Amino acid sequence: MPTTEKFSGVIENFYSKPLVPKLAYEAEYVKFLTEDEVRAAGEWPKNSEIVDGVNARRKATARQKAMQAAVDDAGIVRPTLENDDQLKLKGMVKILVAAGKSEAEARDIASTTLGIAWTDGESE
């Protein structure tokens, strides 16, 4: 028998912009437990929808593999704290801002502390 399941979450960003304050939400939905319940509710997908879904998943997988191969062949590596100084700066700024510093003050502290200059037009 279907059950009602509640869930909640927090929206921290909206259109790539931080939300202050963060927004909490709650909702519920009817959760099916068996295939028969889905069929009885008239929500079982048509065969063409199943084929389309499988093909979309397979295409997405092939696309991801091809994109990874292309960046690997070009010698591009994923930025990490170990290999990207600007990422280190940005991470430290986030921590300092979360601790109450202004953005400008956090940027100055991060640059001075790490001994790394801001590049790509990100300097004050």
PDB file of N, CA and C in Angstrom:
ATOM      1  N   MET A   1       0.841  -1.178   0.000  1.00  0.00           N
ATOM      2  CA  MET A   1       0.000   0.000   0.000  1.00  0.00           C
ATOM      3  C   MET A   1       0.889   1.245   0.000  1.00  0.00           C
ATOM      4  N   PRO A   2       0.592   2.232  -0.829  1.00  0.00           N
ATOM      5  CA  PRO A   2       1.409   3.450  -0.859  1.00  0.00           C
ATOM      6  C   PRO A   2       1.447   4.110   0.520  1.00  0.00           C
ATOM      7  N   THR A   3       2.540   4.774   0.783  1.00  0.00           N
ATOM      8  CA  THR A   3       2.680   5.492   2.044  1.00  0.00           C
ATOM      9  C   THR A   3       2.982   6.953   1.757  1.00  0.00           C
ATOM     10  N   THR A   4       2.679   7.795   2.719  1.00  0.00           N
ATOM     11  CA  THR A   4       3.018   9.204   2.589  1.00  0.00           C
ATOM     12  C   THR A   4       4.378   9.416   3.238  1.00  0.00           C
ATOM     13  N   GLU A   5       5.285   9.985   2.464  1.00  0.00           N
ATOM     14  CA  GLU A   5       6.625  10.233   2.980  1.00  0.00           C
ATOM     15  C   GLU A   5       6.883  11.728   3.016  1.00  0.00           C
ATOM     16  N   LYS A   6       7.358  12.204   4.159  1.00  0.00           N
ATOM     17  CA  LYS A   6       7.690  13.612   4.316  1.00  0.00           C
ATOM     18  C   LYS A   6       9.194  13.795   4.113  1.00  0.00           C
ATOM     19  N   PHE A   7       9.567  14.963   3.622  1.00  0.00           N
ATOM     20  CA  PHE A   7      10.977  15.302   3.477  1.00  0.00           C
ATOM     21  C   PHE A   7      11.141  16.794   3.654  1.00  0.00           C
ATOM     22  N   SER A   8      12.362  17.210   3.913  1.00  0.00           N
ATOM     23  CA  SER A   8      12.641  18.630   4.090  1.00  0.00           C
ATOM     24  C   SER A   8      14.054  18.919   3.604  1.00  0.00           C
ATOM     25  N   GLY A   9      14.342  20.177   3.490  1.00  0.00           N
ATOM     26  CA  GLY A   9      15.669  20.578   3.054  1.00  0.00           C
ATOM     27  C   GLY A   9      15.877  22.057   3.275  1.00  0.00           C
ATOM     28  N   VAL A  10      17.034  22.526   2.845  1.00  0.00           N
ATOM     29  CA  VAL A  10      17.394  23.931   2.979  1.00  0.00           C
ATOM     30  C   VAL A  10      17.908  24.418   1.633  1.00  0.00           C
ATOM     31  N   ILE A  11      17.408  25.542   1.196  1.00  0.00           N
ATOM     32  CA  ILE A  11      17.880  26.167  -0.047  1.00  0.00           C
ATOM     33  C   ILE A  11      18.942  27.185   0.344  1.00  0.00           C
ATOM     34  N   GLU A  12      20.180  26.919  -0.068  1.00  0.00           N
ATOM     35  CA  GLU A  12      21.285  27.803   0.291  1.00  0.00           C
ATOM     36  C   GLU A  12      21.622  28.786  -0.825  1.00  0.00           C
ATOM     37  N   ASN A  13      21.376  28.380  -2.087  1.00  0.00           N
ATOM     38  CA  ASN A  13      21.676  29.220  -3.247  1.00  0.00           C
ATOM     39  C   ASN A  13      20.480  29.223  -4.179  1.00  0.00           C
ATOM     40  N   PHE A  14      20.285  30.333  -4.862  1.00  0.00           N
ATOM     41  CA  PHE A  14      19.227  30.434  -5.854  1.00  0.00           C
ATOM     42  C   PHE A  14      19.801  31.169  -7.051  1.00  0.00           C
ATOM     43  N   TYR A  15      19.798  30.532  -8.207  1.00  0.00           N
ATOM     44  CA  TYR A  15      20.414  31.087  -9.415  1.00  0.00           C
ATOM     45  C   TYR A  15      21.855  31.503  -9.141  1.00  0.00           C
ATOM     46  N   SER A  16      22.609  30.614  -8.494  1.00  0.00           N
ATOM     47  CA  SER A  16      24.027  30.793  -8.188  1.00  0.00           C
ATOM     48  C   SER A  16      24.304  31.947  -7.226  1.00  0.00           C
ATOM     49  N   LYS A  17      23.287  32.427  -6.542  1.00  0.00           N
ATOM     50  CA  LYS A  17      23.465  33.496  -5.565  1.00  0.00           C
ATOM     51  C   LYS A  17      23.132  32.946  -4.181  1.00  0.00           C
ATOM     52  N   PRO A  18      23.979  33.202  -3.188  1.00  0.00           N
ATOM     53  CA  PRO A  18      23.691  32.738  -1.828  1.00  0.00           C
ATOM     54  C   PRO A  18      22.430  33.408  -1.285  1.00  0.00           C
ATOM     55  N   LEU A  19      21.621  32.650  -0.588  1.00  0.00           N
ATOM     56  CA  LEU A  19      20.433  33.194   0.052  1.00  0.00           C
ATOM     57  C   LEU A  19      20.746  33.478   1.521  1.00  0.00           C
ATOM     58  N   VAL A  20      20.457  34.702   1.938  1.00  0.00           N
ATOM     59  CA  VAL A  20      20.631  35.069   3.331  1.00  0.00           C
ATOM     60  C   VAL A  20      19.334  35.717   3.783  1.00  0.00           C
ATOM     61  N   PRO A  21      18.590  35.108   4.663  1.00  0.00           N
ATOM     62  CA  PRO A  21      18.876  33.826   5.294  1.00  0.00           C
ATOM     63  C   PRO A  21      18.546  32.664   4.355  1.00  0.00           C
ATOM     64  N   LYS A  22      19.069  31.495   4.686  1.00  0.00           N
ATOM     65  CA  LYS A  22      18.755  30.289   3.932  1.00  0.00           C
ATOM     66  C   LYS A  22      17.275  29.975   4.123  1.00  0.00           C
ATOM     67  N   LEU A  23      16.666  29.335   3.128  1.00  0.00           N
ATOM     68  CA  LEU A  23      15.236  29.034   3.190  1.00  0.00           C
ATOM     69  C   LEU A  23      15.010  27.553   3.449  1.00  0.00           C
ATOM     70  N   ALA A  24      14.222  27.258   4.458  1.00  0.00           N
ATOM     71  CA  ALA A  24      13.865  25.871   4.762  1.00  0.00           C
ATOM     72  C   ALA A  24      12.555  25.539   4.054  1.00  0.00           C
ATOM     73  N   TYR A  25      12.398  24.271   3.673  1.00  0.00           N
ATOM     74  CA  TYR A  25      11.140  23.831   3.081  1.00  0.00           C
ATOM     75  C   TYR A  25      10.806  22.435   3.577  1.00  0.00           C
ATOM     76  N   GLU A  26       9.518  22.121   3.518  1.00  0.00           N
ATOM     77  CA  GLU A  26       9.019  20.799   3.867  1.00  0.00           C
ATOM     78  C   GLU A  26       7.972  20.415   2.845  1.00  0.00           C
ATOM     79  N   ALA A  27       7.887  19.131   2.531  1.00  0.00           N
ATOM     80  CA  ALA A  27       6.880  18.646   1.589  1.00  0.00           C
ATOM     81  C   ALA A  27       6.617  17.179   1.882  1.00  0.00           C
ATOM     82  N   GLU A  28       5.623  16.651   1.204  1.00  0.00           N
ATOM     83  CA  GLU A  28       5.338  15.227   1.310  1.00  0.00           C
ATOM     84  C   GLU A  28       4.826  14.734  -0.028  1.00  0.00           C
ATOM     85  N   TYR A  29       4.941  13.420  -0.240  1.00  0.00           N
ATOM     86  CA  TYR A  29       4.445  12.812  -1.457  1.00  0.00           C
ATOM     87  C   TYR A  29       4.019  11.384  -1.156  1.00  0.00           C
ATOM     88  N   VAL A  30       3.241  10.829  -2.088  1.00  0.00           N
ATOM     89  CA  VAL A  30       2.821   9.442  -1.946  1.00  0.00           C
ATOM     90  C   VAL A  30       3.897   8.571  -2.565  1.00  0.00           C
ATOM     91  N   LYS A  31       4.458   7.703  -1.745  1.00  0.00           N
ATOM     92  CA  LYS A  31       5.551   6.830  -2.178  1.00  0.00           C
ATOM     93  C   LYS A  31       4.982   5.447  -2.486  1.00  0.00           C
ATOM     94  N   PHE A  32       5.214   4.994  -3.713  1.00  0.00           N
ATOM     95  CA  PHE A  32       4.798   3.653  -4.100  1.00  0.00           C
ATOM     96  C   PHE A  32       5.838   2.648  -3.623  1.00  0.00           C
ATOM     97  N   LEU A  33       5.368   1.478  -3.216  1.00  0.00           N
ATOM     98  CA  LEU A  33       6.273   0.455  -2.723  1.00  0.00           C
ATOM     99  C   LEU A  33       6.425  -0.711  -3.692  1.00  0.00           C
ATOM    100  N   THR A  34       5.481  -0.850  -4.629  1.00  0.00           N
ATOM    101  CA  THR A  34       5.543  -1.972  -5.569  1.00  0.00           C
ATOM    102  C   THR A  34       5.184  -1.499  -6.978  1.00  0.00           C
ATOM    103  N   GLU A  35       5.554  -2.308  -7.951  1.00  0.00           N
ATOM    104  CA  GLU A  35       5.185  -2.021  -9.339  1.00  0.00           C
ATOM    105  C   GLU A  35       3.671  -2.016  -9.502  1.00  0.00           C
ATOM    106  N   ASP A  36       2.996  -2.918  -8.825  1.00  0.00           N
ATOM    107  CA  ASP A  36       1.530  -2.991  -8.934  1.00  0.00           C
ATOM    108  C   ASP A  36       0.870  -1.685  -8.505  1.00  0.00           C
ATOM    109  N   GLU A  37       1.398  -1.055  -7.467  1.00  0.00           N
ATOM    110  CA  GLU A  37       0.832   0.215  -7.017  1.00  0.00           C
ATOM    111  C   GLU A  37       1.021   1.308  -8.073  1.00  0.00           C
ATOM    112  N   VAL A  38       2.160   1.307  -8.716  1.00  0.00           N
ATOM    113  CA  VAL A  38       2.419   2.291  -9.774  1.00  0.00           C
ATOM    114  C   VAL A  38       1.457   2.063 -10.939  1.00  0.00           C
ATOM    115  N   ARG A  39       1.286   0.806 -11.318  1.00  0.00           N
ATOM    116  CA  ARG A  39       0.359   0.473 -12.417  1.00  0.00           C
ATOM    117  C   ARG A  39      -1.075   0.853 -12.054  1.00  0.00           C
ATOM    118  N   ALA A  40      -1.494   0.545 -10.816  1.00  0.00           N
ATOM    119  CA  ALA A  40      -2.862   0.836 -10.386  1.00  0.00           C
ATOM    120  C   ALA A  40      -3.129   2.341 -10.380  1.00  0.00           C
ATOM    121  N   ALA A  41      -2.109   3.131 -10.108  1.00  0.00           N
ATOM    122  CA  ALA A  41      -2.257   4.583 -10.089  1.00  0.00           C
ATOM    123  C   ALA A  41      -2.202   5.179 -11.494  1.00  0.00           C
ATOM    124  N   GLY A  42      -1.971   4.332 -12.503  1.00  0.00           N
ATOM    125  CA  GLY A  42      -1.913   4.813 -13.888  1.00  0.00           C
ATOM    126  C   GLY A  42      -0.649   5.580 -14.204  1.00  0.00           C
ATOM    127  N   GLU A  43       0.406   5.338 -13.439  1.00  0.00           N
ATOM    128  CA  GLU A  43       1.647   6.068 -13.664  1.00  0.00           C
ATOM    129  C   GLU A  43       2.759   5.207 -14.245  1.00  0.00           C
ATOM    130  N   TRP A  44       2.429   3.999 -14.656  1.00  0.00           N
ATOM    131  CA  TRP A  44       3.439   3.137 -15.267  1.00  0.00           C
ATOM    132  C   TRP A  44       3.802   3.714 -16.629  1.00  0.00           C
ATOM    133  N   PRO A  45       5.093   3.856 -16.916  1.00  0.00           N
ATOM    134  CA  PRO A  45       5.490   4.463 -18.192  1.00  0.00           C
ATOM    135  C   PRO A  45       5.154   3.572 -19.385  1.00  0.00           C
ATOM    136  N   LYS A  46       4.903   4.230 -20.510  1.00  0.00           N
ATOM    137  CA  LYS A  46       4.683   3.504 -21.762  1.00  0.00           C
ATOM    138  C   LYS A  46       6.025   2.911 -22.190  1.00  0.00           C
ATOM    139  N   ASN A  47       5.963   1.888 -23.022  1.00  0.00           N
ATOM    140  CA  ASN A  47       7.203   1.265 -23.512  1.00  0.00           C
ATOM    141  C   ASN A  47       8.109   2.282 -24.194  1.00  0.00           C
ATOM    142  N   SER A  48       7.507   3.200 -24.962  1.00  0.00           N
ATOM    143  CA  SER A  48       8.317   4.211 -25.649  1.00  0.00           C
ATOM    144  C   SER A  48       9.016   5.126 -24.646  1.00  0.00           C
ATOM    145  N   GLU A  49       8.387   5.410 -23.492  1.00  0.00           N
ATOM    146  CA  GLU A  49       9.017   6.241 -22.471  1.00  0.00           C
ATOM    147  C   GLU A  49      10.180   5.502 -21.809  1.00  0.00           C
ATOM    148  N   ILE A  50      10.023   4.197 -21.634  1.00  0.00           N
ATOM    149  CA  ILE A  50      11.107   3.401 -21.061  1.00  0.00           C
ATOM    150  C   ILE A  50      12.298   3.391 -22.017  1.00  0.00           C
ATOM    151  N   VAL A  51      12.030   3.165 -23.305  1.00  0.00           N
ATOM    152  CA  VAL A  51      13.102   3.160 -24.309  1.00  0.00           C
ATOM    153  C   VAL A  51      13.783   4.530 -24.346  1.00  0.00           C
ATOM    154  N   ASP A  52      12.993   5.607 -24.335  1.00  0.00           N
ATOM    155  CA  ASP A  52      13.566   6.956 -24.354  1.00  0.00           C
ATOM    156  C   ASP A  52      14.436   7.199 -23.116  1.00  0.00           C
ATOM    157  N   GLY A  53      13.974   6.743 -21.960  1.00  0.00           N
ATOM    158  CA  GLY A  53      14.731   6.924 -20.724  1.00  0.00           C
ATOM    159  C   GLY A  53      16.043   6.164 -20.730  1.00  0.00           C
ATOM    160  N   VAL A  54      15.998   4.911 -21.199  1.00  0.00           N
ATOM    161  CA  VAL A  54      17.221   4.104 -21.269  1.00  0.00           C
ATOM    162  C   VAL A  54      18.202   4.737 -22.251  1.00  0.00           C
ATOM    163  N   ASN A  55      17.701   5.168 -23.403  1.00  0.00           N
ATOM    164  CA  ASN A  55      18.578   5.795 -24.394  1.00  0.00           C
ATOM    165  C   ASN A  55      19.173   7.099 -23.875  1.00  0.00           C
ATOM    166  N   ALA A  56      18.388   7.875 -23.155  1.00  0.00           N
ATOM    167  CA  ALA A  56      18.889   9.134 -22.595  1.00  0.00           C
ATOM    168  C   ALA A  56      19.993   8.855 -21.576  1.00  0.00           C
ATOM    169  N   ARG A  57      19.790   7.838 -20.740  1.00  0.00           N
ATOM    170  CA  ARG A  57      20.810   7.480 -19.747  1.00  0.00           C
ATOM    171  C   ARG A  57      22.083   7.008 -20.430  1.00  0.00           C
ATOM    172  N   ARG A  58      21.943   6.158 -21.470  1.00  0.00           N
ATOM    173  CA  ARG A  58      23.105   5.637 -22.187  1.00  0.00           C
ATOM    174  C   ARG A  58      23.858   6.756 -22.918  1.00  0.00           C
ATOM    175  N   LYS A  59      23.098   7.701 -23.503  1.00  0.00           N
ATOM    176  CA  LYS A  59      23.726   8.821 -24.198  1.00  0.00           C
ATOM    177  C   LYS A  59      24.488   9.704 -23.197  1.00  0.00           C
ATOM    178  N   ALA A  60      23.879   9.960 -22.039  1.00  0.00           N
ATOM    179  CA  ALA A  60      24.539  10.783 -21.022  1.00  0.00           C
ATOM    180  C   ALA A  60      25.829  10.121 -20.542  1.00  0.00           C
ATOM    181  N   THR A  61      25.808   8.813 -20.377  1.00  0.00           N
ATOM    182  CA  THR A  61      27.003   8.083 -19.961  1.00  0.00           C
ATOM    183  C   THR A  61      28.090   8.178 -21.028  1.00  0.00           C
ATOM    184  N   ALA A  62      27.706   7.965 -22.290  1.00  0.00           N
ATOM    185  CA  ALA A  62      28.674   8.054 -23.393  1.00  0.00           C
ATOM    186  C   ALA A  62      29.226   9.468 -23.517  1.00  0.00           C
ATOM    187  N   ARG A  63      28.362  10.470 -23.338  1.00  0.00           N
ATOM    188  CA  ARG A  63      28.788  11.866 -23.421  1.00  0.00           C
ATOM    189  C   ARG A  63      29.811  12.161 -22.323  1.00  0.00           C
ATOM    190  N   GLN A  64      29.525  11.714 -21.099  1.00  0.00           N
ATOM    191  CA  GLN A  64      30.439  11.973 -19.986  1.00  0.00           C
ATOM    192  C   GLN A  64      31.796  11.314 -20.219  1.00  0.00           C
ATOM    193  N   LYS A  65      31.782  10.069 -20.707  1.00  0.00           N
ATOM    194  CA  LYS A  65      33.042   9.373 -20.990  1.00  0.00           C
ATOM    195  C   LYS A  65      33.828  10.086 -22.074  1.00  0.00           C
ATOM    196  N   ALA A  66      33.146  10.551 -23.133  1.00  0.00           N
ATOM    197  CA  ALA A  66      33.817  11.251 -24.228  1.00  0.00           C
ATOM    198  C   ALA A  66      34.397  12.584 -23.754  1.00  0.00           C
ATOM    199  N   MET A  67      33.643  13.300 -22.918  1.00  0.00           N
ATOM    200  CA  MET A  67      34.134  14.575 -22.394  1.00  0.00           C
ATOM    201  C   MET A  67      35.353  14.355 -21.505  1.00  0.00           C
ATOM    202  N   GLN A  68      35.309  13.312 -20.670  1.00  0.00           N
ATOM    203  CA  GLN A  68      36.450  13.023 -19.801  1.00  0.00           C
ATOM    204  C   GLN A  68      37.676  12.649 -20.624  1.00  0.00           C
ATOM    205  N   ALA A  69      37.478  11.854 -21.674  1.00  0.00           N
ATOM    206  CA  ALA A  69      38.583  11.476 -22.545  1.00  0.00           C
ATOM    207  C   ALA A  69      39.177  12.710 -23.231  1.00  0.00           C
ATOM    208  N   ALA A  70      38.314  13.635 -23.656  1.00  0.00           N
ATOM    209  CA  ALA A  70      38.789  14.844 -24.329  1.00  0.00           C
ATOM    210  C   ALA A  70      39.641  15.703 -23.398  1.00  0.00           C
ATOM    211  N   VAL A  71      39.192  15.904 -22.147  1.00  0.00           N
ATOM    212  CA  VAL A  71      39.992  16.719 -21.236  1.00  0.00           C
ATOM    213  C   VAL A  71      41.257  15.985 -20.807  1.00  0.00           C
ATOM    214  N   ASP A  72      41.178  14.652 -20.668  1.00  0.00           N
ATOM    215  CA  ASP A  72      42.380  13.872 -20.347  1.00  0.00           C
ATOM    216  C   ASP A  72      43.399  13.985 -21.473  1.00  0.00           C
ATOM    217  N   ASP A  73      42.942  13.844 -22.728  1.00  0.00           N
ATOM    218  CA  ASP A  73      43.835  13.943 -23.888  1.00  0.00           C
ATOM    219  C   ASP A  73      44.466  15.329 -23.997  1.00  0.00           C
ATOM    220  N   ALA A  74      43.734  16.356 -23.563  1.00  0.00           N
ATOM    221  CA  ALA A  74      44.246  17.726 -23.630  1.00  0.00           C
ATOM    222  C   ALA A  74      45.150  18.042 -22.438  1.00  0.00           C
ATOM    223  N   GLY A  75      45.268  17.094 -21.501  1.00  0.00           N
ATOM    224  CA  GLY A  75      46.129  17.307 -20.344  1.00  0.00           C
ATOM    225  C   GLY A  75      45.525  18.222 -19.290  1.00  0.00           C
ATOM    226  N   ILE A  76      44.224  18.393 -19.325  1.00  0.00           N
ATOM    227  CA  ILE A  76      43.549  19.261 -18.356  1.00  0.00           C
ATOM    228  C   ILE A  76      43.217  18.442 -17.116  1.00  0.00           C
ATOM    229  N   VAL A  77      43.565  18.985 -15.953  1.00  0.00           N
ATOM    230  CA  VAL A  77      43.271  18.285 -14.705  1.00  0.00           C
ATOM    231  C   VAL A  77      42.246  19.071 -13.897  1.00  0.00           C
ATOM    232  N   ARG A  78      41.485  18.343 -13.113  1.00  0.00           N
ATOM    233  CA  ARG A  78      40.469  18.962 -12.269  1.00  0.00           C
ATOM    234  C   ARG A  78      41.163  19.821 -11.215  1.00  0.00           C
ATOM    235  N   PRO A  79      40.694  21.071 -11.041  1.00  0.00           N
ATOM    236  CA  PRO A  79      41.295  21.916 -10.018  1.00  0.00           C
ATOM    237  C   PRO A  79      41.025  21.349  -8.621  1.00  0.00           C
ATOM    238  N   THR A  80      42.059  21.283  -7.808  1.00  0.00           N
ATOM    239  CA  THR A  80      41.939  20.836  -6.422  1.00  0.00           C
ATOM    240  C   THR A  80      42.732  21.796  -5.542  1.00  0.00           C
ATOM    241  N   LEU A  81      42.569  21.664  -4.248  1.00  0.00           N
ATOM    242  CA  LEU A  81      43.341  22.504  -3.331  1.00  0.00           C
ATOM    243  C   LEU A  81      44.830  22.268  -3.481  1.00  0.00           C
ATOM    244  N   GLU A  82      45.206  21.078  -3.934  1.00  0.00           N
ATOM    245  CA  GLU A  82      46.621  20.759  -4.096  1.00  0.00           C
ATOM    246  C   GLU A  82      47.241  21.392  -5.343  1.00  0.00           C
ATOM    247  N   ASN A  83      46.434  21.638  -6.381  1.00  0.00           N
ATOM    248  CA  ASN A  83      47.018  22.110  -7.637  1.00  0.00           C
ATOM    249  C   ASN A  83      46.504  23.468  -8.115  1.00  0.00           C
ATOM    250  N   ASP A  84      45.667  24.154  -7.338  1.00  0.00           N
ATOM    251  CA  ASP A  84      45.082  25.423  -7.800  1.00  0.00           C
ATOM    252  C   ASP A  84      45.120  26.451  -6.666  1.00  0.00           C
ATOM    253  N   ASP A  85      46.051  27.398  -6.777  1.00  0.00           N
ATOM    254  CA  ASP A  85      46.202  28.419  -5.735  1.00  0.00           C
ATOM    255  C   ASP A  85      44.951  29.288  -5.597  1.00  0.00           C
ATOM    256  N   GLN A  86      44.293  29.610  -6.709  1.00  0.00           N
ATOM    257  CA  GLN A  86      43.103  30.455  -6.631  1.00  0.00           C
ATOM    258  C   GLN A  86      41.963  29.752  -5.887  1.00  0.00           C
ATOM    259  N   LEU A  87      41.892  28.439  -6.044  1.00  0.00           N
ATOM    260  CA  LEU A  87      40.888  27.653  -5.322  1.00  0.00           C
ATOM    261  C   LEU A  87      41.176  27.697  -3.818  1.00  0.00           C
ATOM    262  N   LYS A  88      42.450  27.658  -3.446  1.00  0.00           N
ATOM    263  CA  LYS A  88      42.822  27.781  -2.035  1.00  0.00           C
ATOM    264  C   LYS A  88      42.343  29.123  -1.473  1.00  0.00           C
ATOM    265  N   LEU A  89      42.604  30.189  -2.244  1.00  0.00           N
ATOM    266  CA  LEU A  89      42.188  31.524  -1.809  1.00  0.00           C
ATOM    267  C   LEU A  89      40.669  31.597  -1.633  1.00  0.00           C
ATOM    268  N   LYS A  90      39.941  31.110  -2.623  1.00  0.00           N
ATOM    269  CA  LYS A  90      38.479  31.168  -2.568  1.00  0.00           C
ATOM    270  C   LYS A  90      37.929  30.371  -1.387  1.00  0.00           C
ATOM    271  N   GLY A  91      38.541  29.226  -1.115  1.00  0.00           N
ATOM    272  CA  GLY A  91      38.102  28.411   0.016  1.00  0.00           C
ATOM    273  C   GLY A  91      38.329  29.114   1.339  1.00  0.00           C
ATOM    274  N   MET A  92      39.485  29.750   1.467  1.00  0.00           N
ATOM    275  CA  MET A  92      39.788  30.458   2.704  1.00  0.00           C
ATOM    276  C   MET A  92      38.861  31.663   2.872  1.00  0.00           C
ATOM    277  N   VAL A  93      38.554  32.343   1.782  1.00  0.00           N
ATOM    278  CA  VAL A  93      37.645  33.489   1.852  1.00  0.00           C
ATOM    279  C   VAL A  93      36.270  33.033   2.340  1.00  0.00           C
ATOM    280  N   LYS A  94      35.781  31.913   1.838  1.00  0.00           N
ATOM    281  CA  LYS A  94      34.476  31.402   2.287  1.00  0.00           C
ATOM    282  C   LYS A  94      34.473  31.165   3.792  1.00  0.00           C
ATOM    283  N   ILE A  95      35.543  30.584   4.303  1.00  0.00           N
ATOM    284  CA  ILE A  95      35.641  30.304   5.740  1.00  0.00           C
ATOM    285  C   ILE A  95      35.670  31.607   6.535  1.00  0.00           C
ATOM    286  N   LEU A  96      36.462  32.566   6.081  1.00  0.00           N
ATOM    287  CA  LEU A  96      36.572  33.834   6.796  1.00  0.00           C
ATOM    288  C   LEU A  96      35.267  34.623   6.755  1.00  0.00           C
ATOM    289  N   VAL A  97      34.585  34.617   5.626  1.00  0.00           N
ATOM    290  CA  VAL A  97      33.288  35.304   5.531  1.00  0.00           C
ATOM    291  C   VAL A  97      32.279  34.631   6.458  1.00  0.00           C
ATOM    292  N   ALA A  98      32.300  33.297   6.491  1.00  0.00           N
ATOM    293  CA  ALA A  98      31.397  32.567   7.388  1.00  0.00           C
ATOM    294  C   ALA A  98      31.701  32.880   8.851  1.00  0.00           C
ATOM    295  N   ALA A  99      32.946  33.249   9.131  1.00  0.00           N
ATOM    296  CA  ALA A  99      33.351  33.593  10.497  1.00  0.00           C
ATOM    297  C   ALA A  99      33.072  35.063  10.819  1.00  0.00           C
ATOM    298  N   GLY A 100      32.499  35.804   9.862  1.00  0.00           N
ATOM    299  CA  GLY A 100      32.087  37.176  10.142  1.00  0.00           C
ATOM    300  C   GLY A 100      32.917  38.270   9.514  1.00  0.00           C
ATOM    301  N   LYS A 101      33.951  37.924   8.767  1.00  0.00           N
ATOM    302  CA  LYS A 101      34.763  38.947   8.110  1.00  0.00           C
ATOM    303  C   LYS A 101      34.029  39.459   6.870  1.00  0.00           C
ATOM    304  N   SER A 102      34.315  40.697   6.485  1.00  0.00           N
ATOM    305  CA  SER A 102      33.754  41.214   5.240  1.00  0.00           C
ATOM    306  C   SER A 102      34.464  40.524   4.074  1.00  0.00           C
ATOM    307  N   GLU A 103      33.876  40.569   2.909  1.00  0.00           N
ATOM    308  CA  GLU A 103      34.473  39.948   1.729  1.00  0.00           C
ATOM    309  C   GLU A 103      35.851  40.548   1.449  1.00  0.00           C
ATOM    310  N   ALA A 104      35.960  41.869   1.496  1.00  0.00           N
ATOM    311  CA  ALA A 104      37.238  42.537   1.206  1.00  0.00           C
ATOM    312  C   ALA A 104      38.297  42.162   2.240  1.00  0.00           C
ATOM    313  N   GLU A 105      37.910  42.173   3.506  1.00  0.00           N
ATOM    314  CA  GLU A 105      38.856  41.829   4.563  1.00  0.00           C
ATOM    315  C   GLU A 105      39.287  40.360   4.433  1.00  0.00           C
ATOM    316  N   ALA A 106      38.344  39.488   4.134  1.00  0.00           N
ATOM    317  CA  ALA A 106      38.646  38.061   3.974  1.00  0.00           C
ATOM    318  C   ALA A 106      39.613  37.835   2.813  1.00  0.00           C
ATOM    319  N   ARG A 107      39.408  38.562   1.726  1.00  0.00           N
ATOM    320  CA  ARG A 107      40.298  38.422   0.562  1.00  0.00           C
ATOM    321  C   ARG A 107      41.720  38.863   0.914  1.00  0.00           C
ATOM    322  N   ASP A 108      41.833  39.969   1.631  1.00  0.00           N
ATOM    323  CA  ASP A 108      43.156  40.456   2.031  1.00  0.00           C
ATOM    324  C   ASP A 108      43.842  39.468   2.967  1.00  0.00           C
ATOM    325  N   ILE A 109      43.108  38.983   3.966  1.00  0.00           N
ATOM    326  CA  ILE A 109      43.679  38.034   4.923  1.00  0.00           C
ATOM    327  C   ILE A 109      44.123  36.757   4.216  1.00  0.00           C
ATOM    328  N   ALA A 110      43.270  36.232   3.326  1.00  0.00           N
ATOM    329  CA  ALA A 110      43.601  34.991   2.620  1.00  0.00           C
ATOM    330  C   ALA A 110      44.861  35.160   1.783  1.00  0.00           C
ATOM    331  N   SER A 111      44.928  36.238   1.042  1.00  0.00           N
ATOM    332  CA  SER A 111      46.088  36.476   0.179  1.00  0.00           C
ATOM    333  C   SER A 111      47.370  36.631   0.993  1.00  0.00           C
ATOM    334  N   THR A 112      47.288  37.399   2.071  1.00  0.00           N
ATOM    335  CA  THR A 112      48.460  37.622   2.917  1.00  0.00           C
ATOM    336  C   THR A 112      48.888  36.341   3.622  1.00  0.00           C
ATOM    337  N   THR A 113      47.936  35.637   4.201  1.00  0.00           N
ATOM    338  CA  THR A 113      48.244  34.425   4.958  1.00  0.00           C
ATOM    339  C   THR A 113      48.848  33.342   4.079  1.00  0.00           C
ATOM    340  N   LEU A 114      48.261  33.142   2.898  1.00  0.00           N
ATOM    341  CA  LEU A 114      48.728  32.081   2.012  1.00  0.00           C
ATOM    342  C   LEU A 114      49.907  32.520   1.145  1.00  0.00           C
ATOM    343  N   GLY A 115      50.140  33.834   1.077  1.00  0.00           N
ATOM    344  CA  GLY A 115      51.229  34.328   0.244  1.00  0.00           C
ATOM    345  C   GLY A 115      50.943  34.129  -1.243  1.00  0.00           C
ATOM    346  N   ILE A 116      49.655  34.218  -1.600  1.00  0.00           N
ATOM    347  CA  ILE A 116      49.229  34.006  -2.986  1.00  0.00           C
ATOM    348  C   ILE A 116      48.486  35.247  -3.459  1.00  0.00           C
ATOM    349  N   ALA A 117      48.846  35.740  -4.643  1.00  0.00           N
ATOM    350  CA  ALA A 117      48.169  36.903  -5.212  1.00  0.00           C
ATOM    351  C   ALA A 117      46.932  36.463  -5.981  1.00  0.00           C
ATOM    352  N   TRP A 118      45.915  37.312  -5.948  1.00  0.00           N
ATOM    353  CA  TRP A 118      44.716  37.048  -6.740  1.00  0.00           C
ATOM    354  C   TRP A 118      45.040  37.295  -8.215  1.00  0.00           C
ATOM    355  N   THR A 119      44.507  36.459  -9.100  1.00  0.00           N
ATOM    356  CA  THR A 119      44.718  36.618 -10.544  1.00  0.00           C
ATOM    357  C   THR A 119      43.372  36.635 -11.246  1.00  0.00           C
ATOM    358  N   ASP A 120      43.401  36.772 -12.564  1.00  0.00           N
ATOM    359  CA  ASP A 120      42.202  36.732 -13.399  1.00  0.00           C
ATOM    360  C   ASP A 120      41.177  37.778 -12.991  1.00  0.00           C
ATOM    361  N   GLY A 121      41.643  38.988 -12.709  1.00  0.00           N
ATOM    362  CA  GLY A 121      40.717  40.069 -12.399  1.00  0.00           C
ATOM    363  C   GLY A 121      40.028  39.920 -11.066  1.00  0.00           C
ATOM    364  N   GLU A 122      40.546  39.083 -10.183  1.00  0.00           N
ATOM    365  CA  GLU A 122      39.890  38.856  -8.898  1.00  0.00           C
ATOM    366  C   GLU A 122      40.525  39.661  -7.774  1.00  0.00           C
ATOM    367  N   SER A 123      41.497  40.517  -8.091  1.00  0.00           N
ATOM    368  CA  SER A 123      42.151  41.286  -7.046  1.00  0.00           C
ATOM    369  C   SER A 123      41.296  42.503  -6.698  1.00  0.00           C
ATOM    370  N   GLU A 124      41.555  43.044  -5.549  1.00  0.00           N
ATOM    371  CA  GLU A 124      40.811  44.227  -5.084  1.00  0.00           C
ATOM    372  C   GLU A 124      41.221  45.443  -5.860  1.00  0.00           C
TER     373      GLU A 124
END
